Amino acid sequence: MTRAETLLEIKKAEEEAEQIVREAQEKQKMIVANARREAAQRMRESEEKLRAEFELAVSREKNRIASQKEEILKRGREEAEKIKKLANERIPEIRLYLKNAFERAIDAATRTNG
């Protein structure tokens, strides 16, 4: 092999090496870009999943609170009904007490004046 042929082969090998390096760099850029896209997609999916879980938890908590509220209101209505019933049952007794108190006051007033 002559010196010119050797130099030509070296030049050809260098060009092939440069081509391999360029291809490797392009491949590396594509891999990095794909990895970034995939990471961004995973982040979006994770955020969506967390948001959905949060909304579900909030919804469940609202339902639980609404249920508690209804139970408290129900007990309050029942208690108010008991008080109203007791008050209505005592009205005749209270009327009699007030009538008697009024009559005693009138009697006392007429005794002192008469």
N, C-alpha and C. Protein backbone atom coordinates (compact mmCIF):
# COMPACT_ATOMS: atom_id res chain seq x y z
N MET A 1 0.85 -1.15 0.00
CA MET A 1 0.00 0.00 0.00
C MET A 1 0.90 1.23 0.00
N THR A 2 0.52 2.15 -0.83
CA THR A 2 1.33 3.36 -0.96
C THR A 2 0.94 4.34 0.12
N ARG A 3 1.79 5.32 0.21
CA ARG A 3 1.54 6.36 1.22
C ARG A 3 0.25 7.09 0.91
N ALA A 4 -0.06 7.37 -0.28
CA ALA A 4 -1.27 8.07 -0.70
C ALA A 4 -2.49 7.24 -0.36
N GLU A 5 -2.38 5.93 -0.59
CA GLU A 5 -3.51 5.05 -0.28
C GLU A 5 -3.74 4.99 1.23
N THR A 6 -2.67 4.97 1.99
CA THR A 6 -2.77 4.94 3.44
C THR A 6 -3.43 6.23 3.93
N LEU A 7 -2.97 7.35 3.40
CA LEU A 7 -3.56 8.64 3.80
C LEU A 7 -5.04 8.69 3.42
N LEU A 8 -5.36 8.16 2.25
CA LEU A 8 -6.75 8.13 1.79
C LEU A 8 -7.60 7.27 2.72
N GLU A 9 -7.07 6.14 3.14
CA GLU A 9 -7.80 5.27 4.06
C GLU A 9 -7.97 5.93 5.43
N ILE A 10 -6.93 6.63 5.87
CA ILE A 10 -7.01 7.34 7.15
C ILE A 10 -8.09 8.42 7.07
N LYS A 11 -8.08 9.18 5.93
CA LYS A 11 -9.07 10.23 5.74
C LYS A 11 -10.47 9.64 5.71
N LYS A 12 -10.61 8.52 5.00
CA LYS A 12 -11.91 7.84 4.92
C LYS A 12 -12.34 7.37 6.31
N ALA A 13 -11.44 6.81 7.10
CA ALA A 13 -11.74 6.34 8.46
C ALA A 13 -12.14 7.52 9.35
N GLU A 14 -11.44 8.65 9.19
CA GLU A 14 -11.78 9.85 9.96
C GLU A 14 -13.18 10.34 9.61
N GLU A 15 -13.50 10.34 8.31
CA GLU A 15 -14.83 10.77 7.87
C GLU A 15 -15.91 9.84 8.43
N GLU A 16 -15.62 8.54 8.38
CA GLU A 16 -16.57 7.57 8.93
C GLU A 16 -16.74 7.78 10.44
N ALA A 17 -15.63 8.05 11.12
CA ALA A 17 -15.67 8.29 12.57
C ALA A 17 -16.49 9.55 12.86
N GLU A 18 -16.27 10.60 12.07
CA GLU A 18 -17.03 11.84 12.25
C GLU A 18 -18.52 11.60 12.01
N GLN A 19 -18.81 10.80 10.98
CA GLN A 19 -20.21 10.47 10.68
C GLN A 19 -20.83 9.70 11.85
N ILE A 20 -20.08 8.75 12.38
CA ILE A 20 -20.56 7.96 13.52
C ILE A 20 -20.81 8.88 14.72
N VAL A 21 -19.89 9.82 14.97
CA VAL A 21 -20.03 10.76 16.08
C VAL A 21 -21.27 11.64 15.87
N ARG A 22 -21.45 12.16 14.62
CA ARG A 22 -22.63 13.00 14.33
C ARG A 22 -23.92 12.21 14.55
N GLU A 23 -23.94 10.99 14.06
CA GLU A 23 -25.13 10.15 14.24
C GLU A 23 -25.39 9.87 15.71
N ALA A 24 -24.32 9.62 16.45
CA ALA A 24 -24.45 9.36 17.89
C ALA A 24 -24.97 10.61 18.61
N GLN A 25 -24.47 11.78 18.20
CA GLN A 25 -24.94 13.02 18.81
C GLN A 25 -26.42 13.27 18.49
N GLU A 26 -26.81 13.01 17.25
CA GLU A 26 -28.22 13.16 16.86
C GLU A 26 -29.09 12.19 17.65
N LYS A 27 -28.59 10.95 17.76
CA LYS A 27 -29.33 9.94 18.51
C LYS A 27 -29.46 10.37 19.97
N GLN A 28 -28.37 10.91 20.52
CA GLN A 28 -28.38 11.37 21.91
C GLN A 28 -29.41 12.50 22.07
N LYS A 29 -29.43 13.44 21.13
CA LYS A 29 -30.40 14.54 21.19
C LYS A 29 -31.83 14.01 21.15
N MET A 30 -32.06 13.03 20.28
CA MET A 30 -33.40 12.44 20.18
C MET A 30 -33.79 11.73 21.47
N ILE A 31 -32.83 11.00 22.04
CA ILE A 31 -33.10 10.28 23.29
C ILE A 31 -33.42 11.27 24.41
N VAL A 32 -32.62 12.35 24.50
CA VAL A 32 -32.85 13.36 25.54
C VAL A 32 -34.21 14.03 25.32
N ALA A 33 -34.52 14.40 24.07
CA ALA A 33 -35.80 15.04 23.78
C ALA A 33 -36.96 14.11 24.13
N ASN A 34 -36.84 12.84 23.75
CA ASN A 34 -37.88 11.87 24.08
C ASN A 34 -38.03 11.70 25.59
N ALA A 35 -36.90 11.65 26.28
CA ALA A 35 -36.93 11.50 27.74
C ALA A 35 -37.61 12.71 28.38
N ARG A 36 -37.32 13.91 27.87
CA ARG A 36 -37.96 15.12 28.41
C ARG A 36 -39.46 15.09 28.16
N ARG A 37 -39.85 14.70 26.94
CA ARG A 37 -41.29 14.62 26.63
C ARG A 37 -41.98 13.60 27.53
N GLU A 38 -41.32 12.46 27.69
CA GLU A 38 -41.90 11.41 28.53
C GLU A 38 -42.00 11.87 29.98
N ALA A 39 -40.97 12.55 30.47
CA ALA A 39 -40.99 13.06 31.84
C ALA A 39 -42.11 14.09 32.00
N ALA A 40 -42.25 14.97 31.02
CA ALA A 40 -43.32 15.98 31.09
C ALA A 40 -44.69 15.30 31.07
N GLN A 41 -44.83 14.29 30.23
CA GLN A 41 -46.10 13.55 30.16
C GLN A 41 -46.40 12.86 31.48
N ARG A 42 -45.39 12.25 32.07
CA ARG A 42 -45.59 11.58 33.36
C ARG A 42 -45.97 12.59 34.44
N MET A 43 -45.34 13.77 34.40
CA MET A 43 -45.69 14.82 35.37
C MET A 43 -47.15 15.23 35.20
N ARG A 44 -47.57 15.44 33.95
CA ARG A 44 -48.97 15.81 33.70
C ARG A 44 -49.92 14.73 34.19
N GLU A 45 -49.57 13.49 33.90
CA GLU A 45 -50.42 12.37 34.34
C GLU A 45 -50.47 12.29 35.86
N SER A 46 -49.32 12.49 36.50
CA SER A 46 -49.29 12.47 37.97
C SER A 46 -50.12 13.60 38.55
N GLU A 47 -49.99 14.79 37.97
CA GLU A 47 -50.77 15.94 38.44
C GLU A 47 -52.26 15.68 38.24
N GLU A 48 -52.64 15.13 37.10
CA GLU A 48 -54.05 14.83 36.84
C GLU A 48 -54.56 13.79 37.84
N LYS A 49 -53.74 12.79 38.11
CA LYS A 49 -54.14 11.75 39.06
C LYS A 49 -54.31 12.35 40.46
N LEU A 50 -53.34 13.18 40.87
CA LEU A 50 -53.44 13.82 42.19
C LEU A 50 -54.67 14.72 42.26
N ARG A 51 -54.92 15.47 41.19
CA ARG A 51 -56.08 16.36 41.16
C ARG A 51 -57.38 15.55 41.28
N ALA A 52 -57.45 14.44 40.55
CA ALA A 52 -58.64 13.59 40.61
C ALA A 52 -58.81 13.00 42.01
N GLU A 53 -57.71 12.55 42.61
CA GLU A 53 -57.78 12.00 43.97
C GLU A 53 -58.21 13.07 44.96
N PHE A 54 -57.68 14.29 44.79
CA PHE A 54 -58.04 15.40 45.67
C PHE A 54 -59.52 15.72 45.54
N GLU A 55 -59.99 15.81 44.30
CA GLU A 55 -61.40 16.13 44.07
C GLU A 55 -62.31 15.03 44.64
N LEU A 56 -61.89 13.79 44.51
CA LEU A 56 -62.66 12.69 45.07
C LEU A 56 -62.70 12.80 46.60
N ALA A 57 -61.55 13.09 47.21
CA ALA A 57 -61.49 13.23 48.67
C ALA A 57 -62.36 14.40 49.13
N VAL A 58 -62.30 15.51 48.40
CA VAL A 58 -63.12 16.68 48.75
C VAL A 58 -64.60 16.32 48.63
N SER A 59 -64.95 15.64 47.56
CA SER A 59 -66.35 15.24 47.35
C SER A 59 -66.83 14.33 48.47
N ARG A 60 -66.01 13.36 48.82
CA ARG A 60 -66.38 12.45 49.92
C ARG A 60 -66.56 13.21 51.23
N GLU A 61 -65.64 14.15 51.48
CA GLU A 61 -65.71 14.92 52.73
C GLU A 61 -66.96 15.80 52.73
N LYS A 62 -67.28 16.40 51.59
CA LYS A 62 -68.51 17.22 51.51
C LYS A 62 -69.73 16.35 51.79
N ASN A 63 -69.75 15.16 51.22
CA ASN A 63 -70.87 14.25 51.47
C ASN A 63 -70.96 13.86 52.94
N ARG A 64 -69.80 13.60 53.54
CA ARG A 64 -69.79 13.24 54.96
C ARG A 64 -70.31 14.40 55.81
N ILE A 65 -69.85 15.60 55.49
CA ILE A 65 -70.29 16.78 56.24
C ILE A 65 -71.78 17.02 56.04
N ALA A 66 -72.25 16.86 54.80
CA ALA A 66 -73.68 17.04 54.52
C ALA A 66 -74.51 16.03 55.31
N SER A 67 -74.00 14.81 55.39
CA SER A 67 -74.70 13.77 56.15
C SER A 67 -74.75 14.12 57.63
N GLN A 68 -73.62 14.60 58.16
CA GLN A 68 -73.58 15.01 59.56
C GLN A 68 -74.53 16.18 59.80
N LYS A 69 -74.54 17.11 58.88
CA LYS A 69 -75.41 18.28 59.00
C LYS A 69 -76.87 17.83 59.06
N GLU A 70 -77.24 16.94 58.16
CA GLU A 70 -78.62 16.45 58.14
C GLU A 70 -78.96 15.73 59.45
N GLU A 71 -78.03 14.96 59.96
CA GLU A 71 -78.26 14.24 61.22
C GLU A 71 -78.44 15.23 62.36
N ILE A 72 -77.60 16.26 62.41
CA ILE A 72 -77.71 17.27 63.46
C ILE A 72 -79.03 18.03 63.34
N LEU A 73 -79.39 18.41 62.11
CA LEU A 73 -80.66 19.10 61.91
C LEU A 73 -81.85 18.22 62.30
N LYS A 74 -81.77 16.95 61.97
CA LYS A 74 -82.84 16.01 62.33
C LYS A 74 -82.99 15.93 63.84
N ARG A 75 -81.85 15.80 64.54
CA ARG A 75 -81.92 15.75 66.01
C ARG A 75 -82.46 17.05 66.57
N GLY A 76 -82.05 18.18 65.96
CA GLY A 76 -82.56 19.49 66.40
C GLY A 76 -84.06 19.61 66.19
N ARG A 77 -84.56 19.15 65.04
CA ARG A 77 -86.00 19.19 64.79
C ARG A 77 -86.75 18.30 65.78
N GLU A 78 -86.18 17.12 66.03
CA GLU A 78 -86.82 16.21 66.99
C GLU A 78 -86.86 16.83 68.38
N GLU A 79 -85.77 17.46 68.79
CA GLU A 79 -85.71 18.10 70.10
C GLU A 79 -86.69 19.27 70.17
N ALA A 80 -86.76 20.06 69.10
CA ALA A 80 -87.71 21.18 69.05
C ALA A 80 -89.14 20.67 69.13
N GLU A 81 -89.42 19.57 68.47
CA GLU A 81 -90.77 18.98 68.50
C GLU A 81 -91.11 18.50 69.91
N LYS A 82 -90.13 17.89 70.60
CA LYS A 82 -90.36 17.45 71.98
C LYS A 82 -90.67 18.65 72.88
N ILE A 83 -89.89 19.71 72.71
CA ILE A 83 -90.09 20.91 73.53
C ILE A 83 -91.46 21.51 73.24
N LYS A 84 -91.82 21.59 71.97
CA LYS A 84 -93.12 22.13 71.58
C LYS A 84 -94.26 21.29 72.17
N LYS A 85 -94.12 19.98 72.08
CA LYS A 85 -95.14 19.07 72.62
C LYS A 85 -95.27 19.26 74.13
N LEU A 86 -94.11 19.32 74.81
CA LEU A 86 -94.13 19.52 76.26
C LEU A 86 -94.77 20.86 76.61
N ALA A 87 -94.43 21.89 75.85
CA ALA A 87 -95.01 23.21 76.10
C ALA A 87 -96.52 23.18 75.88
N ASN A 88 -96.96 22.54 74.81
CA ASN A 88 -98.40 22.45 74.53
C ASN A 88 -99.12 21.65 75.62
N GLU A 89 -98.48 20.63 76.14
CA GLU A 89 -99.08 19.83 77.21
C GLU A 89 -99.21 20.64 78.49
N ARG A 90 -98.31 21.58 78.70
CA ARG A 90 -98.30 22.36 79.95
C ARG A 90 -99.14 23.63 79.85
N ILE A 91 -99.66 23.96 78.67
CA ILE A 91 -100.45 25.19 78.52
C ILE A 91 -101.64 25.22 79.48
N PRO A 92 -102.46 24.16 79.56
CA PRO A 92 -103.58 24.22 80.51
C PRO A 92 -103.12 24.44 81.95
N GLU A 93 -102.04 23.78 82.33
CA GLU A 93 -101.49 23.92 83.69
C GLU A 93 -101.03 25.36 83.92
N ILE A 94 -100.36 25.94 82.92
CA ILE A 94 -99.86 27.31 83.04
C ILE A 94 -101.04 28.29 83.09
N ARG A 95 -102.06 28.05 82.26
CA ARG A 95 -103.25 28.92 82.28
C ARG A 95 -103.90 28.91 83.67
N LEU A 96 -104.03 27.72 84.22
CA LEU A 96 -104.63 27.60 85.55
C LEU A 96 -103.77 28.32 86.58
N TYR A 97 -102.45 28.16 86.50
CA TYR A 97 -101.55 28.82 87.43
C TYR A 97 -101.68 30.34 87.31
N LEU A 98 -101.69 30.85 86.07
CA LEU A 98 -101.81 32.29 85.87
C LEU A 98 -103.17 32.80 86.35
N LYS A 99 -104.23 32.03 86.08
CA LYS A 99 -105.57 32.42 86.52
C LYS A 99 -105.61 32.50 88.04
N ASN A 100 -105.08 31.48 88.69
CA ASN A 100 -105.07 31.46 90.16
C ASN A 100 -104.22 32.60 90.72
N ALA A 101 -103.07 32.84 90.09
CA ALA A 101 -102.21 33.94 90.56
C ALA A 101 -102.93 35.27 90.39
N PHE A 102 -103.62 35.45 89.28
CA PHE A 102 -104.36 36.68 89.03
C PHE A 102 -105.48 36.84 90.06
N GLU A 103 -106.20 35.74 90.29
CA GLU A 103 -107.30 35.79 91.26
C GLU A 103 -106.77 36.10 92.66
N ARG A 104 -105.66 35.52 93.04
CA ARG A 104 -105.07 35.82 94.36
C ARG A 104 -104.68 37.29 94.45
N ALA A 105 -104.12 37.80 93.36
CA ALA A 105 -103.74 39.22 93.36
C ALA A 105 -104.98 40.10 93.48
N ILE A 106 -106.04 39.74 92.78
CA ILE A 106 -107.28 40.52 92.85
C ILE A 106 -107.87 40.43 94.26
N ASP A 107 -107.90 39.20 94.81
CA ASP A 107 -108.42 39.02 96.16
C ASP A 107 -107.61 39.82 97.17
N ALA A 108 -106.31 39.79 97.03
CA ALA A 108 -105.44 40.53 97.95
C ALA A 108 -105.69 42.02 97.81
N ALA A 109 -105.90 42.47 96.61
CA ALA A 109 -106.13 43.90 96.37
C ALA A 109 -107.49 44.31 96.93
N THR A 110 -108.49 43.48 96.82
CA THR A 110 -109.82 43.84 97.31
C THR A 110 -109.87 43.77 98.83
N ARG A 111 -109.09 42.90 99.43
CA ARG A 111 -109.06 42.82 100.90
C ARG A 111 -108.41 44.05 101.50
N THR A 112 -107.38 44.53 100.87
CA THR A 112 -106.69 45.70 101.42
C THR A 112 -107.49 46.97 101.16
N ASN A 113 -108.29 46.99 100.13
CA ASN A 113 -109.07 48.19 99.81
C ASN A 113 -110.44 48.16 100.50
N GLY A 114 -110.90 47.05 100.84
CA GLY A 114 -112.27 46.96 101.30
C GLY A 114 -112.43 46.80 102.72
